[in-house]
Full PDB file with SEQRES, HELIX, SHEET, SSBOND, CRYST1, ORIGX, SCALE, CONECT and MASTER records, all heavy atoms in Angstrom:
SEQRES   1 A   34  ASN VAL THR GLN ASP GLU ALA LEU GLN HIS VAL TRP GLY          
SEQRES   2 A   34  TYR THR VAL VAL ASN ASP ILE THR ALA ARG ASN ILE GLN          
SEQRES   3 A   34  PHE SER GLU ALA GLN TRP CYS ARG                              
HELIX    1 AA1 GLN A    4  ALA A    7  1                                   4    
HELIX    2 AA2 LEU A    8  HIS A   10  5                                   3    
HELIX    3 AA3 ARG A   23  GLN A   26  1                                   4    
CRYST1    1.000    1.000    1.000  90.00  90.00  90.00 P 1           1          
ORIGX1      1.000000  0.000000  0.000000        0.00000                         
ORIGX2      0.000000  1.000000  0.000000        0.00000                         
ORIGX3      0.000000  0.000000  1.000000        0.00000                         
SCALE1      1.000000  0.000000  0.000000        0.00000                         
SCALE2      0.000000  1.000000  0.000000        0.00000                         
SCALE3      0.000000  0.000000  1.000000        0.00000                         
ATOM      1  N   ASN A   1     -34.471   0.443 -10.074  1.00  0.00           N  
ATOM      2  CA  ASN A   1     -35.266   0.944  -8.952  1.00  0.00           C  
ATOM      3  C   ASN A   1     -35.668  -0.169  -7.979  1.00  0.00           C  
ATOM      4  O   ASN A   1     -36.815  -0.230  -7.531  1.00  0.00           O  
ATOM      5  CB  ASN A   1     -36.520   1.665  -9.465  1.00  0.00           C  
ATOM      6  CG  ASN A   1     -36.190   2.964 -10.173  1.00  0.00           C  
ATOM      7  OD1 ASN A   1     -35.273   3.682  -9.778  1.00  0.00           O  
ATOM      8  ND2 ASN A   1     -36.931   3.271 -11.230  1.00  0.00           N  
ATOM      9  N   VAL A   2     -34.737  -1.050  -7.664  1.00  0.00           N  
ATOM     10  CA  VAL A   2     -35.044  -2.115  -6.715  1.00  0.00           C  
ATOM     11  C   VAL A   2     -34.822  -1.613  -5.297  1.00  0.00           C  
ATOM     12  O   VAL A   2     -33.960  -0.759  -5.040  1.00  0.00           O  
ATOM     13  CB  VAL A   2     -34.197  -3.378  -6.977  1.00  0.00           C  
ATOM     14  CG1 VAL A   2     -34.459  -3.915  -8.377  1.00  0.00           C  
ATOM     15  CG2 VAL A   2     -32.724  -3.124  -6.767  1.00  0.00           C  
ATOM     16  N   THR A   3     -35.597  -2.116  -4.381  1.00  0.00           N  
ATOM     17  CA  THR A   3     -35.422  -1.766  -2.975  1.00  0.00           C  
ATOM     18  C   THR A   3     -34.265  -2.576  -2.395  1.00  0.00           C  
ATOM     19  O   THR A   3     -33.807  -3.566  -2.983  1.00  0.00           O  
ATOM     20  CB  THR A   3     -36.685  -2.059  -2.170  1.00  0.00           C  
ATOM     21  OG1 THR A   3     -36.891  -3.491  -2.128  1.00  0.00           O  
ATOM     22  CG2 THR A   3     -37.902  -1.389  -2.797  1.00  0.00           C  
ATOM     23  N   GLN A   4     -33.809  -2.153  -1.227  1.00  0.00           N  
ATOM     24  CA  GLN A   4     -32.734  -2.884  -0.579  1.00  0.00           C  
ATOM     25  C   GLN A   4     -33.177  -4.303  -0.238  1.00  0.00           C  
ATOM     26  O   GLN A   4     -32.389  -5.244  -0.321  1.00  0.00           O  
ATOM     27  CB  GLN A   4     -32.272  -2.141   0.670  1.00  0.00           C  
ATOM     28  CG  GLN A   4     -30.988  -2.699   1.266  1.00  0.00           C  
ATOM     29  CD  GLN A   4     -30.368  -1.790   2.314  1.00  0.00           C  
ATOM     30  OE1 GLN A   4     -30.642  -0.586   2.346  1.00  0.00           O  
ATOM     31  NE2 GLN A   4     -29.538  -2.345   3.177  1.00  0.00           N  
ATOM     32  N   ASP A   5     -34.446  -4.472   0.135  1.00  0.00           N  
ATOM     33  CA  ASP A   5     -34.956  -5.808   0.460  1.00  0.00           C  
ATOM     34  C   ASP A   5     -34.984  -6.722  -0.762  1.00  0.00           C  
ATOM     35  O   ASP A   5     -34.859  -7.941  -0.636  1.00  0.00           O  
ATOM     36  CB  ASP A   5     -36.355  -5.711   1.060  1.00  0.00           C  
ATOM     37  CG  ASP A   5     -36.353  -5.129   2.469  1.00  0.00           C  
ATOM     38  OD1 ASP A   5     -35.278  -5.151   3.112  1.00  0.00           O  
ATOM     39  OD2 ASP A   5     -37.408  -4.640   2.917  1.00  0.00           O  
ATOM     40  N   GLU A   6     -35.158  -6.142  -1.937  1.00  0.00           N  
ATOM     41  CA  GLU A   6     -35.231  -6.929  -3.173  1.00  0.00           C  
ATOM     42  C   GLU A   6     -33.869  -7.176  -3.814  1.00  0.00           C  
ATOM     43  O   GLU A   6     -33.722  -8.061  -4.665  1.00  0.00           O  
ATOM     44  CB  GLU A   6     -36.101  -6.204  -4.206  1.00  0.00           C  
ATOM     45  CG  GLU A   6     -37.532  -5.937  -3.791  1.00  0.00           C  
ATOM     46  CD  GLU A   6     -38.222  -4.952  -4.725  1.00  0.00           C  
ATOM     47  OE1 GLU A   6     -37.520  -4.104  -5.327  1.00  0.00           O  
ATOM     48  OE2 GLU A   6     -39.468  -5.036  -4.838  1.00  0.00           O  
ATOM     49  N   ALA A   7     -32.882  -6.414  -3.421  1.00  0.00           N  
ATOM     50  CA  ALA A   7     -31.638  -6.315  -4.188  1.00  0.00           C  
ATOM     51  C   ALA A   7     -30.925  -7.649  -4.379  1.00  0.00           C  
ATOM     52  O   ALA A   7     -30.478  -7.975  -5.486  1.00  0.00           O  
ATOM     53  CB  ALA A   7     -30.711  -5.303  -3.527  1.00  0.00           C  
ATOM     54  N   LEU A   8     -30.790  -8.441  -3.327  1.00  0.00           N  
ATOM     55  CA  LEU A   8     -30.015  -9.670  -3.437  1.00  0.00           C  
ATOM     56  C   LEU A   8     -30.686 -10.699  -4.345  1.00  0.00           C  
ATOM     57  O   LEU A   8     -30.020 -11.636  -4.817  1.00  0.00           O  
ATOM     58  CB  LEU A   8     -29.753 -10.263  -2.059  1.00  0.00           C  
ATOM     59  CG  LEU A   8     -28.845  -9.440  -1.129  1.00  0.00           C  
ATOM     60  CD1 LEU A   8     -28.568 -10.196   0.162  1.00  0.00           C  
ATOM     61  CD2 LEU A   8     -27.530  -9.059  -1.811  1.00  0.00           C  
ATOM     62  N   GLN A   9     -31.974 -10.529  -4.614  1.00  0.00           N  
ATOM     63  CA  GLN A   9     -32.656 -11.423  -5.556  1.00  0.00           C  
ATOM     64  C   GLN A   9     -32.146 -11.223  -6.986  1.00  0.00           C  
ATOM     65  O   GLN A   9     -32.393 -12.050  -7.864  1.00  0.00           O  
ATOM     66  CB  GLN A   9     -34.166 -11.184  -5.514  1.00  0.00           C  
ATOM     67  CG  GLN A   9     -34.803 -11.429  -4.163  1.00  0.00           C  
ATOM     68  CD  GLN A   9     -36.251 -10.981  -4.121  1.00  0.00           C  
ATOM     69  OE1 GLN A   9     -36.929 -10.912  -5.146  1.00  0.00           O  
ATOM     70  NE2 GLN A   9     -36.733 -10.666  -2.930  1.00  0.00           N  
ATOM     71  N   HIS A  10     -31.433 -10.123  -7.218  1.00  0.00           N  
ATOM     72  CA  HIS A  10     -30.917  -9.813  -8.552  1.00  0.00           C  
ATOM     73  C   HIS A  10     -29.454 -10.217  -8.705  1.00  0.00           C  
ATOM     74  O   HIS A  10     -28.856  -9.953  -9.750  1.00  0.00           O  
ATOM     75  CB  HIS A  10     -31.083  -8.317  -8.828  1.00  0.00           C  
ATOM     76  CG  HIS A  10     -32.512  -7.896  -8.927  1.00  0.00           C  
ATOM     77  ND1 HIS A  10     -33.168  -7.723 -10.128  1.00  0.00           N  
ATOM     78  CD2 HIS A  10     -33.440  -7.625  -7.962  1.00  0.00           C  
ATOM     79  CE1 HIS A  10     -34.417  -7.364  -9.918  1.00  0.00           C  
ATOM     80  NE2 HIS A  10     -34.604  -7.293  -8.604  1.00  0.00           N  
ATOM     81  N   VAL A  11     -28.883 -10.854  -7.689  1.00  0.00           N  
ATOM     82  CA  VAL A  11     -27.483 -11.282  -7.741  1.00  0.00           C  
ATOM     83  C   VAL A  11     -27.404 -12.708  -8.283  1.00  0.00           C  
ATOM     84  O   VAL A  11     -28.078 -13.604  -7.774  1.00  0.00           O  
ATOM     85  CB  VAL A  11     -26.836 -11.205  -6.344  1.00  0.00           C  
ATOM     86  CG1 VAL A  11     -25.430 -11.792  -6.373  1.00  0.00           C  
ATOM     87  CG2 VAL A  11     -26.798  -9.762  -5.857  1.00  0.00           C  
ATOM     88  N   TRP A  12     -26.567 -12.897  -9.306  1.00  0.00           N  
ATOM     89  CA  TRP A  12     -26.341 -14.248  -9.844  1.00  0.00           C  
ATOM     90  C   TRP A  12     -25.233 -14.955  -9.065  1.00  0.00           C  
ATOM     91  O   TRP A  12     -25.317 -16.150  -8.802  1.00  0.00           O  
ATOM     92  CB  TRP A  12     -25.968 -14.175 -11.316  1.00  0.00           C  
ATOM     93  CG  TRP A  12     -25.755 -15.528 -11.918  1.00  0.00           C  
ATOM     94  CD1 TRP A  12     -26.705 -16.359 -12.440  1.00  0.00           C  
ATOM     95  CD2 TRP A  12     -24.499 -16.228 -12.026  1.00  0.00           C  
ATOM     96  NE1 TRP A  12     -26.120 -17.533 -12.867  1.00  0.00           N  
ATOM     97  CE2 TRP A  12     -24.770 -17.476 -12.626  1.00  0.00           C  
ATOM     98  CE3 TRP A  12     -23.181 -15.910 -11.678  1.00  0.00           C  
ATOM     99  CZ2 TRP A  12     -23.767 -18.412 -12.889  1.00  0.00           C  
ATOM    100  CZ3 TRP A  12     -22.180 -16.839 -11.934  1.00  0.00           C  
ATOM    101  CH2 TRP A  12     -22.484 -18.071 -12.536  1.00  0.00           C  
ATOM    102  N   GLY A  13     -24.193 -14.208  -8.703  1.00  0.00           N  
ATOM    103  CA  GLY A  13     -23.092 -14.849  -8.009  1.00  0.00           C  
ATOM    104  C   GLY A  13     -22.027 -13.875  -7.560  1.00  0.00           C  
ATOM    105  O   GLY A  13     -22.185 -12.654  -7.649  1.00  0.00           O  
ATOM    106  N   TYR A  14     -20.918 -14.442  -7.080  1.00  0.00           N  
ATOM    107  CA  TYR A  14     -19.845 -13.658  -6.483  1.00  0.00           C  
ATOM    108  C   TYR A  14     -18.492 -14.164  -6.972  1.00  0.00           C  
ATOM    109  O   TYR A  14     -18.337 -15.319  -7.376  1.00  0.00           O  
ATOM    110  CB  TYR A  14     -19.893 -13.765  -4.958  1.00  0.00           C  
ATOM    111  CG  TYR A  14     -21.189 -13.294  -4.347  1.00  0.00           C  
ATOM    112  CD1 TYR A  14     -22.233 -14.198  -4.100  1.00  0.00           C  
ATOM    113  CD2 TYR A  14     -21.384 -11.959  -4.018  1.00  0.00           C  
ATOM    114  CE1 TYR A  14     -23.434 -13.770  -3.545  1.00  0.00           C  
ATOM    115  CE2 TYR A  14     -22.582 -11.523  -3.460  1.00  0.00           C  
ATOM    116  CZ  TYR A  14     -23.603 -12.434  -3.230  1.00  0.00           C  
ATOM    117  OH  TYR A  14     -24.789 -12.005  -2.697  1.00  0.00           O  
ATOM    118  N   THR A  15     -17.493 -13.292  -6.920  1.00  0.00           N  
ATOM    119  CA  THR A  15     -16.124 -13.669  -7.230  1.00  0.00           C  
ATOM    120  C   THR A  15     -15.178 -12.824  -6.395  1.00  0.00           C  
ATOM    121  O   THR A  15     -15.609 -11.944  -5.641  1.00  0.00           O  
ATOM    122  CB  THR A  15     -15.837 -13.517  -8.745  1.00  0.00           C  
ATOM    123  OG1 THR A  15     -14.600 -14.160  -9.052  1.00  0.00           O  
ATOM    124  CG2 THR A  15     -15.775 -12.048  -9.165  1.00  0.00           C  
ATOM    125  N   VAL A  16     -13.881 -13.095  -6.511  1.00  0.00           N  
ATOM    126  CA  VAL A  16     -12.850 -12.336  -5.816  1.00  0.00           C  
ATOM    127  C   VAL A  16     -12.249 -11.341  -6.803  1.00  0.00           C  
ATOM    128  O   VAL A  16     -12.005 -11.679  -7.967  1.00  0.00           O  
ATOM    129  CB  VAL A  16     -11.744 -13.268  -5.269  1.00  0.00           C  
ATOM    130  CG1 VAL A  16     -10.670 -12.456  -4.545  1.00  0.00           C  
ATOM    131  CG2 VAL A  16     -12.337 -14.320  -4.345  1.00  0.00           C  
ATOM    132  N   VAL A  17     -12.029 -10.114  -6.340  1.00  0.00           N  
ATOM    133  CA  VAL A  17     -11.439  -9.054  -7.162  1.00  0.00           C  
ATOM    134  C   VAL A  17     -10.229  -8.479  -6.432  1.00  0.00           C  
ATOM    135  O   VAL A  17     -10.282  -8.258  -5.219  1.00  0.00           O  
ATOM    136  CB  VAL A  17     -12.454  -7.924  -7.445  1.00  0.00           C  
ATOM    137  CG1 VAL A  17     -11.799  -6.793  -8.240  1.00  0.00           C  
ATOM    138  CG2 VAL A  17     -13.669  -8.460  -8.184  1.00  0.00           C  
ATOM    139  N   ASN A  18      -9.161  -8.240  -7.171  1.00  0.00           N  
ATOM    140  CA  ASN A  18      -8.029  -7.457  -6.661  1.00  0.00           C  
ATOM    141  C   ASN A  18      -8.035  -6.139  -7.423  1.00  0.00           C  
ATOM    142  O   ASN A  18      -7.733  -6.103  -8.613  1.00  0.00           O  
ATOM    143  CB  ASN A  18      -6.708  -8.208  -6.864  1.00  0.00           C  
ATOM    144  CG  ASN A  18      -5.513  -7.476  -6.281  1.00  0.00           C  
ATOM    145  OD1 ASN A  18      -5.654  -6.402  -5.697  1.00  0.00           O  
ATOM    146  ND2 ASN A  18      -4.340  -8.044  -6.444  1.00  0.00           N  
ATOM    147  N   ASP A  19      -8.406  -5.067  -6.753  1.00  0.00           N  
ATOM    148  CA  ASP A  19      -8.503  -3.747  -7.380  1.00  0.00           C  
ATOM    149  C   ASP A  19      -7.142  -3.063  -7.289  1.00  0.00           C  
ATOM    150  O   ASP A  19      -6.885  -2.252  -6.400  1.00  0.00           O  
ATOM    151  CB  ASP A  19      -9.588  -2.935  -6.670  1.00  0.00           C  
ATOM    152  CG  ASP A  19      -9.768  -1.552  -7.269  1.00  0.00           C  
ATOM    153  OD1 ASP A  19      -9.433  -1.367  -8.454  1.00  0.00           O  
ATOM    154  OD2 ASP A  19     -10.250  -0.656  -6.554  1.00  0.00           O  
ATOM    155  N   ILE A  20      -6.255  -3.402  -8.225  1.00  0.00           N  
ATOM    156  CA  ILE A  20      -4.898  -2.868  -8.210  1.00  0.00           C  
ATOM    157  C   ILE A  20      -4.927  -1.391  -8.605  1.00  0.00           C  
ATOM    158  O   ILE A  20      -5.678  -0.993  -9.491  1.00  0.00           O  
ATOM    159  CB  ILE A  20      -4.000  -3.681  -9.164  1.00  0.00           C  
ATOM    160  CG1 ILE A  20      -3.955  -5.150  -8.702  1.00  0.00           C  
ATOM    161  CG2 ILE A  20      -2.594  -3.104  -9.220  1.00  0.00           C  
ATOM    162  CD1 ILE A  20      -3.200  -6.067  -9.638  1.00  0.00           C  
ATOM    163  N   THR A  21      -4.109  -0.585  -7.930  1.00  0.00           N  
ATOM    164  CA  THR A  21      -4.199   0.875  -8.071  1.00  0.00           C  
ATOM    165  C   THR A  21      -2.826   1.525  -8.120  1.00  0.00           C  
ATOM    166  O   THR A  21      -1.973   1.246  -7.268  1.00  0.00           O  
ATOM    167  CB  THR A  21      -4.971   1.476  -6.872  1.00  0.00           C  
ATOM    168  OG1 THR A  21      -6.226   0.809  -6.729  1.00  0.00           O  
ATOM    169  CG2 THR A  21      -5.209   2.970  -7.069  1.00  0.00           C  
ATOM    170  N   ALA A  22      -2.623   2.398  -9.105  1.00  0.00           N  
ATOM    171  CA  ALA A  22      -1.424   3.239  -9.139  1.00  0.00           C  
ATOM    172  C   ALA A  22      -1.702   4.473  -8.288  1.00  0.00           C  
ATOM    173  O   ALA A  22      -2.372   5.415  -8.722  1.00  0.00           O  
ATOM    174  CB  ALA A  22      -1.082   3.628 -10.574  1.00  0.00           C  
ATOM    175  N   ARG A  23      -1.189   4.483  -7.055  1.00  0.00           N  
ATOM    176  CA  ARG A  23      -1.571   5.535  -6.103  1.00  0.00           C  
ATOM    177  C   ARG A  23      -1.100   6.919  -6.550  1.00  0.00           C  
ATOM    178  O   ARG A  23      -1.801   7.910  -6.322  1.00  0.00           O  
ATOM    179  CB  ARG A  23      -0.997   5.218  -4.713  1.00  0.00           C  
ATOM    180  CG  ARG A  23      -1.555   3.971  -4.062  1.00  0.00           C  
ATOM    181  CD  ARG A  23      -3.012   4.089  -3.709  1.00  0.00           C  
ATOM    182  NE  ARG A  23      -3.452   2.904  -2.964  1.00  0.00           N  
ATOM    183  CZ  ARG A  23      -4.711   2.525  -2.830  1.00  0.00           C  
ATOM    184  NH1 ARG A  23      -5.673   3.241  -3.396  1.00  0.00           N  
ATOM    185  NH2 ARG A  23      -5.026   1.456  -2.155  1.00  0.00           N  
ATOM    186  N   ASN A  24       0.061   7.016  -7.158  1.00  0.00           N  
ATOM    187  CA  ASN A  24       0.544   8.335  -7.566  1.00  0.00           C  
ATOM    188  C   ASN A  24      -0.408   8.970  -8.580  1.00  0.00           C  
ATOM    189  O   ASN A  24      -0.650  10.180  -8.554  1.00  0.00           O  
ATOM    190  CB  ASN A  24       1.951   8.243  -8.146  1.00  0.00           C  
ATOM    191  CG  ASN A  24       2.039   7.330  -9.355  1.00  0.00           C  
ATOM    192  OD1 ASN A  24       1.559   6.199  -9.320  1.00  0.00           O  
ATOM    193  ND2 ASN A  24       2.666   7.798 -10.428  1.00  0.00           N  
ATOM    194  N   ILE A  25      -0.989   8.161  -9.458  1.00  0.00           N  
ATOM    195  CA  ILE A  25      -1.952   8.684 -10.426  1.00  0.00           C  
ATOM    196  C   ILE A  25      -3.291   8.956  -9.745  1.00  0.00           C  
ATOM    197  O   ILE A  25      -3.957   9.958 -10.035  1.00  0.00           O  
ATOM    198  CB  ILE A  25      -2.105   7.709 -11.607  1.00  0.00           C  
ATOM    199  CG1 ILE A  25      -0.771   7.611 -12.362  1.00  0.00           C  
ATOM    200  CG2 ILE A  25      -3.225   8.146 -12.547  1.00  0.00           C  
ATOM    201  CD1 ILE A  25      -0.774   6.620 -13.499  1.00  0.00           C  
ATOM    202  N   GLN A  26      -3.683   8.092  -8.818  1.00  0.00           N  
ATOM    203  CA  GLN A  26      -4.945   8.300  -8.112  1.00  0.00           C  
ATOM    204  C   GLN A  26      -4.988   9.658  -7.422  1.00  0.00           C  
ATOM    205  O   GLN A  26      -6.010  10.342  -7.445  1.00  0.00           O  
ATOM    206  CB  GLN A  26      -5.158   7.197  -7.072  1.00  0.00           C  
ATOM    207  CG  GLN A  26      -6.480   7.343  -6.301  1.00  0.00           C  
ATOM    208  CD  GLN A  26      -6.664   6.245  -5.268  1.00  0.00           C  
ATOM    209  OE1 GLN A  26      -5.698   5.678  -4.759  1.00  0.00           O  
ATOM    210  NE2 GLN A  26      -7.912   5.935  -4.967  1.00  0.00           N  
ATOM    211  N   PHE A  27      -3.855  10.064  -6.825  1.00  0.00           N  
ATOM    212  CA  PHE A  27      -3.843  11.317  -6.075  1.00  0.00           C  
ATOM    213  C   PHE A  27      -3.429  12.523  -6.921  1.00  0.00           C  
ATOM    214  O   PHE A  27      -3.311  13.633  -6.386  1.00  0.00           O  
ATOM    215  CB  PHE A  27      -2.945  11.179  -4.846  1.00  0.00           C  
ATOM    216  CG  PHE A  27      -3.535  10.284  -3.785  1.00  0.00           C  
ATOM    217  CD1 PHE A  27      -3.041   9.001  -3.581  1.00  0.00           C  
ATOM    218  CD2 PHE A  27      -4.600  10.710  -3.017  1.00  0.00           C  
ATOM    219  CE1 PHE A  27      -3.588   8.172  -2.609  1.00  0.00           C  
ATOM    220  CE2 PHE A  27      -5.160   9.885  -2.040  1.00  0.00           C  
ATOM    221  CZ  PHE A  27      -4.662   8.618  -1.839  1.00  0.00           C  
ATOM    222  N   SER A  28      -3.236  12.307  -8.218  1.00  0.00           N  
ATOM    223  CA  SER A  28      -2.909  13.432  -9.097  1.00  0.00           C  
ATOM    224  C   SER A  28      -4.007  13.719 -10.115  1.00  0.00           C  
ATOM    225  O   SER A  28      -3.932  14.717 -10.827  1.00  0.00           O  
ATOM    226  CB  SER A  28      -1.596  13.162  -9.839  1.00  0.00           C  
ATOM    227  OG  SER A  28      -1.731  12.078 -10.732  1.00  0.00           O  
ATOM    228  N   GLU A  29      -5.027  12.857 -10.178  1.00  0.00           N  
ATOM    229  CA  GLU A  29      -6.133  13.042 -11.120  1.00  0.00           C  
ATOM    230  C   GLU A  29      -7.454  13.006 -10.368  1.00  0.00           C  
ATOM    231  O   GLU A  29      -7.610  12.257  -9.401  1.00  0.00           O  
ATOM    232  CB  GLU A  29      -6.112  11.951 -12.194  1.00  0.00           C  
ATOM    233  CG  GLU A  29      -4.863  11.966 -13.051  1.00  0.00           C  
ATOM    234  CD  GLU A  29      -4.855  10.893 -14.121  1.00  0.00           C  
ATOM    235  OE1 GLU A  29      -5.778  10.046 -14.142  1.00  0.00           O  
ATOM    236  OE2 GLU A  29      -3.923  10.903 -14.949  1.00  0.00           O  
ATOM    237  N   ALA A  30      -8.416  13.783 -10.843  1.00  0.00           N  
ATOM    238  CA  ALA A  30      -9.706  13.859 -10.159  1.00  0.00           C  
ATOM    239  C   ALA A  30     -10.508  12.569 -10.301  1.00  0.00           C  
ATOM    240  O   ALA A  30     -11.249  12.189  -9.398  1.00  0.00           O  
ATOM    241  CB  ALA A  30     -10.519  15.037 -10.712  1.00  0.00           C  
ATOM    242  N   GLN A  31     -10.374  11.899 -11.442  1.00  0.00           N  
ATOM    243  CA  GLN A  31     -11.094  10.651 -11.681  1.00  0.00           C  
ATOM    244  C   GLN A  31     -10.182   9.460 -11.402  1.00  0.00           C  
ATOM    245  O   GLN A  31      -8.972   9.517 -11.632  1.00  0.00           O  
ATOM    246  CB  GLN A  31     -11.592  10.602 -13.125  1.00  0.00           C  
ATOM    247  CG  GLN A  31     -12.544  11.727 -13.502  1.00  0.00           C  
ATOM    248  CD  GLN A  31     -13.858  11.656 -12.747  1.00  0.00           C  
ATOM    249  OE1 GLN A  31     -14.359  10.573 -12.439  1.00  0.00           O  
ATOM    250  NE2 GLN A  31     -14.429  12.805 -12.436  1.00  0.00           N  
ATOM    251  N   TRP A  32     -10.775   8.354 -10.947  1.00  0.00           N  
ATOM    252  CA  TRP A  32      -9.994   7.192 -10.553  1.00  0.00           C  
ATOM    253  C   TRP A  32      -9.954   6.094 -11.610  1.00  0.00           C  
ATOM    254  O   TRP A  32      -9.315   5.061 -11.392  1.00  0.00           O  
ATOM    255  CB  TRP A  32     -10.562   6.600  -9.258  1.00  0.00           C  
ATOM    256  CG  TRP A  32     -10.382   7.469  -8.058  1.00  0.00           C  
ATOM    257  CD1 TRP A  32      -9.734   8.673  -8.006  1.00  0.00           C  
ATOM    258  CD2 TRP A  32     -10.852   7.207  -6.739  1.00  0.00           C  
ATOM    259  NE1 TRP A  32      -9.770   9.169  -6.730  1.00  0.00           N  
ATOM    260  CE2 TRP A  32     -10.457   8.293  -5.933  1.00  0.00           C  
ATOM    261  CE3 TRP A  32     -11.559   6.162  -6.164  1.00  0.00           C  
ATOM    262  CZ2 TRP A  32     -10.750   8.350  -4.575  1.00  0.00           C  
ATOM    263  CZ3 TRP A  32     -11.866   6.212  -4.819  1.00  0.00           C  
ATOM    264  CH2 TRP A  32     -11.460   7.303  -4.030  1.00  0.00           C  
ATOM    265  N   CYS A  33     -10.605   6.273 -12.738  1.00  0.00           N  
ATOM    266  CA  CYS A  33     -10.692   5.192 -13.723  1.00  0.00           C  
ATOM    267  C   CYS A  33      -9.319   4.771 -14.230  1.00  0.00           C  
ATOM    268  O   CYS A  33      -9.002   3.584 -14.285  1.00  0.00           O  
ATOM    269  CB  CYS A  33     -11.571   5.605 -14.898  1.00  0.00           C  
ATOM    270  SG  CYS A  33     -13.258   6.026 -14.445  1.00  0.00           S  
ATOM    271  N   ARG A  34      -8.475   5.730 -14.625  1.00  0.00           N  
ATOM    272  CA  ARG A  34      -7.205   5.382 -15.257  1.00  0.00           C  
ATOM    273  C   ARG A  34      -6.240   4.721 -14.285  1.00  0.00           C  
ATOM    274  O   ARG A  34      -5.551   3.756 -14.631  1.00  0.00           O  
ATOM    275  CB  ARG A  34      -6.557   6.627 -15.877  1.00  0.00           C  
ATOM    276  CG  ARG A  34      -5.333   6.307 -16.742  1.00  0.00           C  
ATOM    277  CD  ARG A  34      -4.886   7.523 -17.532  1.00  0.00           C  
ATOM    278  NE  ARG A  34      -4.095   8.451 -16.736  1.00  0.00           N  
ATOM    279  CZ  ARG A  34      -2.758   8.476 -16.745  1.00  0.00           C  
ATOM    280  NH1 ARG A  34      -2.076   7.616 -17.477  1.00  0.00           N  
ATOM    281  NH2 ARG A  34      -2.114   9.376 -16.020  1.00  0.00           N  
TER     282      ARG A  34                                                      
MASTER        0    0    0    3    0    0    0    6  281    1    0    3          
END                                                                             
């Protein structure tokens, strides 16, 4: 329940992510996890 003004005080750090995605599965299933 942190406010937007407080939120960045809870961040330890940052990194780079590549969110690789199988598009054919993304558009054939309701959920995107798999």
